[in-house]
Amino acid sequence: MQPFVYETAVVYESSGQFLGNIRRTVQELKRTHPQLRNYALADLALHRGRKAVSVTLYFQPKN
């Protein structure tokens, strides 16, 4: 199995909203990509932009 990487941008007003957006994104990815059923979120990278935070999610196969 190959690692899976997903990039998105998140606009937020609070840290709680930001984390909630990331959680919903992970849930939606797992729902729309059946191959992720056997994957786990391994890492994420954040890069702050002017109006949004760029988020890169790294998934790898579960052991």
PDB file of N, CA and C in Angstrom:
ATOM      1  N   MET A   1       0.839  -1.182   0.000  1.00  0.00           N
ATOM      2  CA  MET A   1       0.000   0.000   0.000  1.00  0.00           C
ATOM      3  C   MET A   1       0.883   1.243   0.000  1.00  0.00           C
ATOM      4  N   GLN A   2       0.434   2.241  -0.719  1.00  0.00           N
ATOM      5  CA  GLN A   2       1.166   3.491  -0.832  1.00  0.00           C
ATOM      6  C   GLN A   2       0.621   4.520   0.158  1.00  0.00           C
ATOM      7  N   PRO A   3       1.478   5.446   0.624  1.00  0.00           N
ATOM      8  CA  PRO A   3       0.981   6.547   1.458  1.00  0.00           C
ATOM      9  C   PRO A   3      -0.021   7.385   0.654  1.00  0.00           C
ATOM     10  N   PHE A   4      -0.891   8.079   1.347  1.00  0.00           N
ATOM     11  CA  PHE A   4      -1.899   8.934   0.727  1.00  0.00           C
ATOM     12  C   PHE A   4      -1.723  10.334   1.291  1.00  0.00           C
ATOM     13  N   VAL A   5      -1.635  11.344   0.413  1.00  0.00           N
ATOM     14  CA  VAL A   5      -1.431  12.729   0.840  1.00  0.00           C
ATOM     15  C   VAL A   5      -2.580  13.564   0.289  1.00  0.00           C
ATOM     16  N   TYR A   6      -3.129  14.443   1.134  1.00  0.00           N
ATOM     17  CA  TYR A   6      -4.229  15.314   0.740  1.00  0.00           C
ATOM     18  C   TYR A   6      -3.913  16.727   1.190  1.00  0.00           C
ATOM     19  N   GLU A   7      -4.111  17.697   0.293  1.00  0.00           N
ATOM     20  CA  GLU A   7      -3.863  19.100   0.626  1.00  0.00           C
ATOM     21  C   GLU A   7      -5.153  19.889   0.519  1.00  0.00           C
ATOM     22  N   THR A   8      -5.330  20.830   1.459  1.00  0.00           N
ATOM     23  CA  THR A   8      -6.497  21.697   1.457  1.00  0.00           C
ATOM     24  C   THR A   8      -6.129  23.013   2.130  1.00  0.00           C
ATOM     25  N   ALA A   9      -7.002  23.988   2.045  1.00  0.00           N
ATOM     26  CA  ALA A   9      -6.827  25.255   2.748  1.00  0.00           C
ATOM     27  C   ALA A   9      -8.012  25.431   3.685  1.00  0.00           C
ATOM     28  N   VAL A  10      -7.742  25.890   4.896  1.00  0.00           N
ATOM     29  CA  VAL A  10      -8.784  26.040   5.911  1.00  0.00           C
ATOM     30  C   VAL A  10      -8.817  27.486   6.386  1.00  0.00           C
ATOM     31  N   VAL A  11      -9.982  28.118   6.267  1.00  0.00           N
ATOM     32  CA  VAL A  11     -10.206  29.448   6.828  1.00  0.00           C
ATOM     33  C   VAL A  11     -10.844  29.231   8.189  1.00  0.00           C
ATOM     34  N   TYR A  12     -10.398  29.972   9.194  1.00  0.00           N
ATOM     35  CA  TYR A  12     -10.923  29.726  10.535  1.00  0.00           C
ATOM     36  C   TYR A  12     -10.984  31.015  11.343  1.00  0.00           C
ATOM     37  N   GLU A  13     -11.788  30.964  12.405  1.00  0.00           N
ATOM     38  CA  GLU A  13     -11.920  32.092  13.326  1.00  0.00           C
ATOM     39  C   GLU A  13     -11.444  31.738  14.721  1.00  0.00           C
ATOM     40  N   SER A  14     -11.355  30.440  15.026  1.00  0.00           N
ATOM     41  CA  SER A  14     -10.896  30.015  16.348  1.00  0.00           C
ATOM     42  C   SER A  14     -10.181  28.673  16.221  1.00  0.00           C
ATOM     43  N   SER A  15      -9.418  28.331  17.248  1.00  0.00           N
ATOM     44  CA  SER A  15      -8.692  27.057  17.215  1.00  0.00           C
ATOM     45  C   SER A  15      -9.662  25.876  17.234  1.00  0.00           C
ATOM     46  N   GLY A  16     -10.753  25.991  17.980  1.00  0.00           N
ATOM     47  CA  GLY A  16     -11.751  24.924  18.022  1.00  0.00           C
ATOM     48  C   GLY A  16     -12.375  24.688  16.655  1.00  0.00           C
ATOM     49  N   GLN A  17     -12.695  25.764  15.963  1.00  0.00           N
ATOM     50  CA  GLN A  17     -13.261  25.652  14.623  1.00  0.00           C
ATOM     51  C   GLN A  17     -12.240  25.036  13.666  1.00  0.00           C
ATOM     52  N   PHE A  18     -10.986  25.442  13.792  1.00  0.00           N
ATOM     53  CA  PHE A  18      -9.914  24.932  12.939  1.00  0.00           C
ATOM     54  C   PHE A  18      -9.766  23.417  13.100  1.00  0.00           C
ATOM     55  N   LEU A  19      -9.688  22.952  14.347  1.00  0.00           N
ATOM     56  CA  LEU A  19      -9.558  21.512  14.604  1.00  0.00           C
ATOM     57  C   LEU A  19     -10.792  20.746  14.122  1.00  0.00           C
ATOM     58  N   GLY A  20     -11.953  21.331  14.325  1.00  0.00           N
ATOM     59  CA  GLY A  20     -13.189  20.707  13.849  1.00  0.00           C
ATOM     60  C   GLY A  20     -13.194  20.557  12.337  1.00  0.00           C
ATOM     61  N   ASN A  21     -12.706  21.576  11.627  1.00  0.00           N
ATOM     62  CA  ASN A  21     -12.629  21.502  10.165  1.00  0.00           C
ATOM     63  C   ASN A  21     -11.695  20.383   9.715  1.00  0.00           C
ATOM     64  N   ILE A  22     -10.567  20.237  10.392  1.00  0.00           N
ATOM     65  CA  ILE A  22      -9.623  19.174  10.038  1.00  0.00           C
ATOM     66  C   ILE A  22     -10.246  17.805  10.311  1.00  0.00           C
ATOM     67  N   ARG A  23     -10.907  17.651  11.445  1.00  0.00           N
ATOM     68  CA  ARG A  23     -11.562  16.370  11.767  1.00  0.00           C
ATOM     69  C   ARG A  23     -12.618  16.013  10.724  1.00  0.00           C
ATOM     70  N   ARG A  24     -13.433  16.999  10.346  1.00  0.00           N
ATOM     71  CA  ARG A  24     -14.469  16.753   9.338  1.00  0.00           C
ATOM     72  C   ARG A  24     -13.849  16.390   7.989  1.00  0.00           C
ATOM     73  N   THR A  25     -12.740  17.040   7.654  1.00  0.00           N
ATOM     74  CA  THR A  25     -12.052  16.728   6.400  1.00  0.00           C
ATOM     75  C   THR A  25     -11.567  15.286   6.398  1.00  0.00           C
ATOM     76  N   VAL A  26     -10.971  14.834   7.500  1.00  0.00           N
ATOM     77  CA  VAL A  26     -10.494  13.447   7.601  1.00  0.00           C
ATOM     78  C   VAL A  26     -11.678  12.482   7.478  1.00  0.00           C
ATOM     79  N   GLN A  27     -12.776  12.764   8.170  1.00  0.00           N
ATOM     80  CA  GLN A  27     -13.957  11.898   8.097  1.00  0.00           C
ATOM     81  C   GLN A  27     -14.509  11.839   6.674  1.00  0.00           C
ATOM     82  N   GLU A  28     -14.580  12.985   6.014  1.00  0.00           N
ATOM     83  CA  GLU A  28     -15.095  13.040   4.644  1.00  0.00           C
ATOM     84  C   GLU A  28     -14.177  12.279   3.681  1.00  0.00           C
ATOM     85  N   LEU A  29     -12.877  12.425   3.853  1.00  0.00           N
ATOM     86  CA  LEU A  29     -11.932  11.688   3.010  1.00  0.00           C
ATOM     87  C   LEU A  29     -12.112  10.186   3.174  1.00  0.00           C
ATOM     88  N   LYS A  30     -12.258   9.734   4.408  1.00  0.00           N
ATOM     89  CA  LYS A  30     -12.431   8.296   4.660  1.00  0.00           C
ATOM     90  C   LYS A  30     -13.760   7.792   4.089  1.00  0.00           C
ATOM     91  N   ARG A  31     -14.766   8.659   4.070  1.00  0.00           N
ATOM     92  CA  ARG A  31     -16.071   8.276   3.530  1.00  0.00           C
ATOM     93  C   ARG A  31     -16.031   8.217   1.991  1.00  0.00           C
ATOM     94  N   THR A  32     -15.311   9.142   1.359  1.00  0.00           N
ATOM     95  CA  THR A  32     -15.303   9.225  -0.103  1.00  0.00           C
ATOM     96  C   THR A  32     -14.181   8.427  -0.765  1.00  0.00           C
ATOM     97  N   HIS A  33     -13.209   7.982   0.001  1.00  0.00           N
ATOM     98  CA  HIS A  33     -12.103   7.178  -0.528  1.00  0.00           C
ATOM     99  C   HIS A  33     -12.055   5.853   0.241  1.00  0.00           C
ATOM    100  N   PRO A  34     -12.773   4.846  -0.222  1.00  0.00           N
ATOM    101  CA  PRO A  34     -12.840   3.567   0.500  1.00  0.00           C
ATOM    102  C   PRO A  34     -11.473   2.944   0.778  1.00  0.00           C
ATOM    103  N   GLN A  35     -10.474   3.236  -0.065  1.00  0.00           N
ATOM    104  CA  GLN A  35      -9.145   2.663   0.164  1.00  0.00           C
ATOM    105  C   GLN A  35      -8.518   3.183   1.451  1.00  0.00           C
ATOM    106  N   LEU A  36      -9.018   4.284   1.996  1.00  0.00           N
ATOM    107  CA  LEU A  36      -8.479   4.829   3.247  1.00  0.00           C
ATOM    108  C   LEU A  36      -9.003   4.088   4.474  1.00  0.00           C
ATOM    109  N   ARG A  37      -9.881   3.122   4.283  1.00  0.00           N
ATOM    110  CA  ARG A  37     -10.416   2.344   5.403  1.00  0.00           C
ATOM    111  C   ARG A  37      -9.286   1.691   6.196  1.00  0.00           C
ATOM    112  N   ASN A  38      -8.230   1.295   5.507  1.00  0.00           N
ATOM    113  CA  ASN A  38      -7.095   0.630   6.155  1.00  0.00           C
ATOM    114  C   ASN A  38      -5.919   1.572   6.397  1.00  0.00           C
ATOM    115  N   TYR A  39      -6.188   2.880   6.380  1.00  0.00           N
ATOM    116  CA  TYR A  39      -5.151   3.878   6.597  1.00  0.00           C
ATOM    117  C   TYR A  39      -5.447   4.670   7.867  1.00  0.00           C
ATOM    118  N   ALA A  40      -4.406   5.257   8.423  1.00  0.00           N
ATOM    119  CA  ALA A  40      -4.548   6.129   9.591  1.00  0.00           C
ATOM    120  C   ALA A  40      -3.834   7.444   9.296  1.00  0.00           C
ATOM    121  N   LEU A  41      -4.344   8.520   9.863  1.00  0.00           N
ATOM    122  CA  LEU A  41      -3.669   9.809   9.736  1.00  0.00           C
ATOM    123  C   LEU A  41      -2.354   9.716  10.491  1.00  0.00           C
ATOM    124  N   ALA A  42      -1.248   9.910   9.792  1.00  0.00           N
ATOM    125  CA  ALA A  42       0.075   9.750  10.391  1.00  0.00           C
ATOM    126  C   ALA A  42       0.692  11.086  10.773  1.00  0.00           C
ATOM    127  N   ASP A  43       0.389  12.141  10.006  1.00  0.00           N
ATOM    128  CA  ASP A  43       1.026  13.433  10.254  1.00  0.00           C
ATOM    129  C   ASP A  43       0.237  14.500   9.524  1.00  0.00           C
ATOM    130  N   LEU A  44       0.501  15.743   9.861  1.00  0.00           N
ATOM    131  CA  LEU A  44      -0.059  16.859   9.120  1.00  0.00           C
ATOM    132  C   LEU A  44       0.932  18.003   9.138  1.00  0.00           C
ATOM    133  N   ALA A  45       0.875  18.810   8.104  1.00  0.00           N
ATOM    134  CA  ALA A  45       1.739  19.985   7.999  1.00  0.00           C
ATOM    135  C   ALA A  45       0.844  21.204   7.841  1.00  0.00           C
ATOM    136  N   LEU A  46       1.212  22.294   8.494  1.00  0.00           N
ATOM    137  CA  LEU A  46       0.445  23.532   8.446  1.00  0.00           C
ATOM    138  C   LEU A  46       1.337  24.662   7.954  1.00  0.00           C
ATOM    139  N   HIS A  47       0.788  25.478   7.051  1.00  0.00           N
ATOM    140  CA  HIS A  47       1.499  26.654   6.567  1.00  0.00           C
ATOM    141  C   HIS A  47       0.507  27.806   6.552  1.00  0.00           C
ATOM    142  N   ARG A  48       0.786  28.826   7.346  1.00  0.00           N
ATOM    143  CA  ARG A  48      -0.134  29.955   7.453  1.00  0.00           C
ATOM    144  C   ARG A  48      -0.010  30.876   6.249  1.00  0.00           C
ATOM    145  N   GLY A  49      -1.148  31.189   5.664  1.00  0.00           N
ATOM    146  CA  GLY A  49      -1.222  32.145   4.572  1.00  0.00           C
ATOM    147  C   GLY A  49      -1.899  33.409   5.068  1.00  0.00           C
ATOM    148  N   ARG A  50      -2.176  34.312   4.173  1.00  0.00           N
ATOM    149  CA  ARG A  50      -2.807  35.578   4.574  1.00  0.00           C
ATOM    150  C   ARG A  50      -4.243  35.390   5.055  1.00  0.00           C
ATOM    151  N   LYS A  51      -4.992  34.552   4.351  1.00  0.00           N
ATOM    152  CA  LYS A  51      -6.408  34.400   4.681  1.00  0.00           C
ATOM    153  C   LYS A  51      -6.793  33.000   5.124  1.00  0.00           C
ATOM    154  N   ALA A  52      -5.889  32.052   4.958  1.00  0.00           N
ATOM    155  CA  ALA A  52      -6.210  30.660   5.299  1.00  0.00           C
ATOM    156  C   ALA A  52      -4.933  29.929   5.694  1.00  0.00           C
ATOM    157  N   VAL A  53      -5.121  28.777   6.283  1.00  0.00           N
ATOM    158  CA  VAL A  53      -3.997  27.907   6.631  1.00  0.00           C
ATOM    159  C   VAL A  53      -4.005  26.744   5.645  1.00  0.00           C
ATOM    160  N   SER A  54      -2.871  26.523   5.025  1.00  0.00           N
ATOM    161  CA  SER A  54      -2.701  25.394   4.117  1.00  0.00           C
ATOM    162  C   SER A  54      -2.431  24.156   4.962  1.00  0.00           C
ATOM    163  N   VAL A  55      -3.224  23.114   4.761  1.00  0.00           N
ATOM    164  CA  VAL A  55      -3.112  21.894   5.555  1.00  0.00           C
ATOM    165  C   VAL A  55      -2.801  20.723   4.623  1.00  0.00           C
ATOM    166  N   THR A  56      -1.755  19.987   4.956  1.00  0.00           N
ATOM    167  CA  THR A  56      -1.414  18.770   4.228  1.00  0.00           C
ATOM    168  C   THR A  56      -1.562  17.603   5.190  1.00  0.00           C
ATOM    169  N   LEU A  57      -2.408  16.643   4.823  1.00  0.00           N
ATOM    170  CA  LEU A  57      -2.672  15.470   5.654  1.00  0.00           C
ATOM    171  C   LEU A  57      -1.941  14.271   5.059  1.00  0.00           C
ATOM    172  N   TYR A  58      -1.211  13.564   5.901  1.00  0.00           N
ATOM    173  CA  TYR A  58      -0.451  12.390   5.476  1.00  0.00           C
ATOM    174  C   TYR A  58      -1.052  11.139   6.119  1.00  0.00           C
ATOM    175  N   PHE A  59      -1.504  10.224   5.285  1.00  0.00           N
ATOM    176  CA  PHE A  59      -2.059   8.957   5.752  1.00  0.00           C
ATOM    177  C   PHE A  59      -1.094   7.837   5.393  1.00  0.00           C
ATOM    178  N   GLN A  60      -1.011   6.836   6.260  1.00  0.00           N
ATOM    179  CA  GLN A  60      -0.238   5.647   5.919  1.00  0.00           C
ATOM    180  C   GLN A  60      -1.000   4.413   6.365  1.00  0.00           C
ATOM    181  N   PRO A  61      -0.680   3.281   5.757  1.00  0.00           N
ATOM    182  CA  PRO A  61      -1.404   2.050   6.080  1.00  0.00           C
ATOM    183  C   PRO A  61      -1.303   1.705   7.562  1.00  0.00           C
ATOM    184  N   LYS A  62      -2.423   1.180   8.100  1.00  0.00           N
ATOM    185  CA  LYS A  62      -2.418   0.694   9.485  1.00  0.00           C
ATOM    186  C   LYS A  62      -1.611  -0.585   9.542  1.00  0.00           C
ATOM    187  N   ASN A  63      -0.989  -0.817  10.675  1.00  0.00           N
ATOM    188  CA  ASN A  63      -0.205  -2.060  10.841  1.00  0.00           C
ATOM    189  C   ASN A  63      -1.097  -3.231  11.102  1.00  0.00           C
TER     190      ASN A  63
END
